[in-house]
Amino acid sequence: MMSPVVADYTSRHVSCWSTARSLFAEWQQRVQSRFELERLSERDLADMRLTRLEIFDETRKPFWQE
């Protein structure tokens, strides 16, 4: 049987890695989304009511920034 101290450490360790994994996945999603935005046609942008300047501003953000 695991001691309460070890169990708490293990729980926090797993939680930390889970949080880090989620954060990296979110960052990767932002990179992918911004990459796809750059490749939209003018028609697609018009359908979404976006301008090239808005896309430019979004794609220049660092991956960690929403």
Protein backbone atom coordinates (compact mmCIF):
# COMPACT_ATOMS: atom_id res chain seq x y z
CA MET A 1 0.00 0.00 0.00
CA MET A 2 1.28 3.46 -0.92
CA SER A 3 1.86 5.97 1.87
CA PRO A 4 -0.28 9.15 1.78
CA VAL A 5 2.81 11.29 1.14
CA VAL A 6 3.91 9.20 -1.85
CA ALA A 7 0.35 9.05 -3.17
CA ASP A 8 0.03 12.85 -2.95
CA TYR A 9 3.38 13.34 -4.72
CA THR A 10 2.42 10.87 -7.44
CA SER A 11 -0.95 12.54 -7.90
CA ARG A 12 0.63 15.99 -8.23
CA HIS A 13 3.31 14.65 -10.58
CA VAL A 14 0.70 13.08 -12.88
CA SER A 15 -1.41 16.23 -12.70
CA CYS A 16 1.59 18.37 -13.64
CA TRP A 17 2.37 16.25 -16.70
CA SER A 18 -1.29 16.15 -17.67
CA THR A 19 -1.45 19.94 -17.48
CA ALA A 20 1.75 20.32 -19.51
CA ARG A 21 0.51 17.89 -22.14
CA SER A 22 -2.77 19.83 -22.42
CA LEU A 23 -0.91 23.11 -22.73
CA PHE A 24 1.35 21.78 -25.50
CA ALA A 25 -1.69 20.40 -27.34
CA GLU A 26 -3.39 23.80 -27.11
CA TRP A 27 -0.29 25.55 -28.44
CA GLN A 28 -0.03 23.09 -31.32
CA GLN A 29 -3.70 23.71 -32.15
CA ARG A 30 -3.08 27.46 -32.27
CA VAL A 31 -0.12 27.00 -34.60
CA GLN A 32 -2.17 24.74 -36.88
CA SER A 33 -5.19 27.07 -36.89
CA ARG A 34 -3.07 30.09 -37.73
CA PHE A 35 -1.30 28.16 -40.47
CA GLU A 36 -4.69 27.26 -41.98
CA LEU A 37 -5.96 30.84 -41.71
CA GLU A 38 -3.09 32.03 -43.91
CA ARG A 39 -4.18 29.68 -46.65
CA LEU A 40 -7.84 30.71 -46.86
CA SER A 41 -9.07 32.13 -50.13
CA GLU A 42 -10.49 35.63 -50.43
CA ARG A 43 -13.93 34.08 -50.80
CA ASP A 44 -13.52 32.10 -47.58
CA LEU A 45 -12.39 35.24 -45.77
CA ALA A 46 -15.40 37.18 -47.10
CA ASP A 47 -17.73 34.39 -45.93
CA MET A 48 -16.26 34.69 -42.44
CA ARG A 49 -16.21 38.48 -42.63
CA LEU A 50 -12.45 38.59 -42.07
CA THR A 51 -9.82 40.70 -43.78
CA ARG A 52 -6.27 39.84 -44.76
CA LEU A 53 -5.09 42.39 -42.19
CA GLU A 54 -6.97 40.56 -39.42
CA ILE A 55 -5.47 37.27 -40.57
CA PHE A 56 -2.01 38.85 -40.70
CA ASP A 57 -2.42 40.15 -37.13
CA GLU A 58 -3.60 36.75 -35.90
CA THR A 59 -0.83 34.77 -37.57
CA ARG A 60 1.88 37.05 -36.18
CA LYS A 61 0.91 36.28 -32.58
CA PRO A 62 3.22 33.99 -30.63
CA PHE A 63 1.84 30.46 -30.21
CA TRP A 64 1.36 30.94 -26.48
CA GLN A 65 -0.88 33.99 -26.98
CA GLU A 66 -4.61 33.58 -27.55
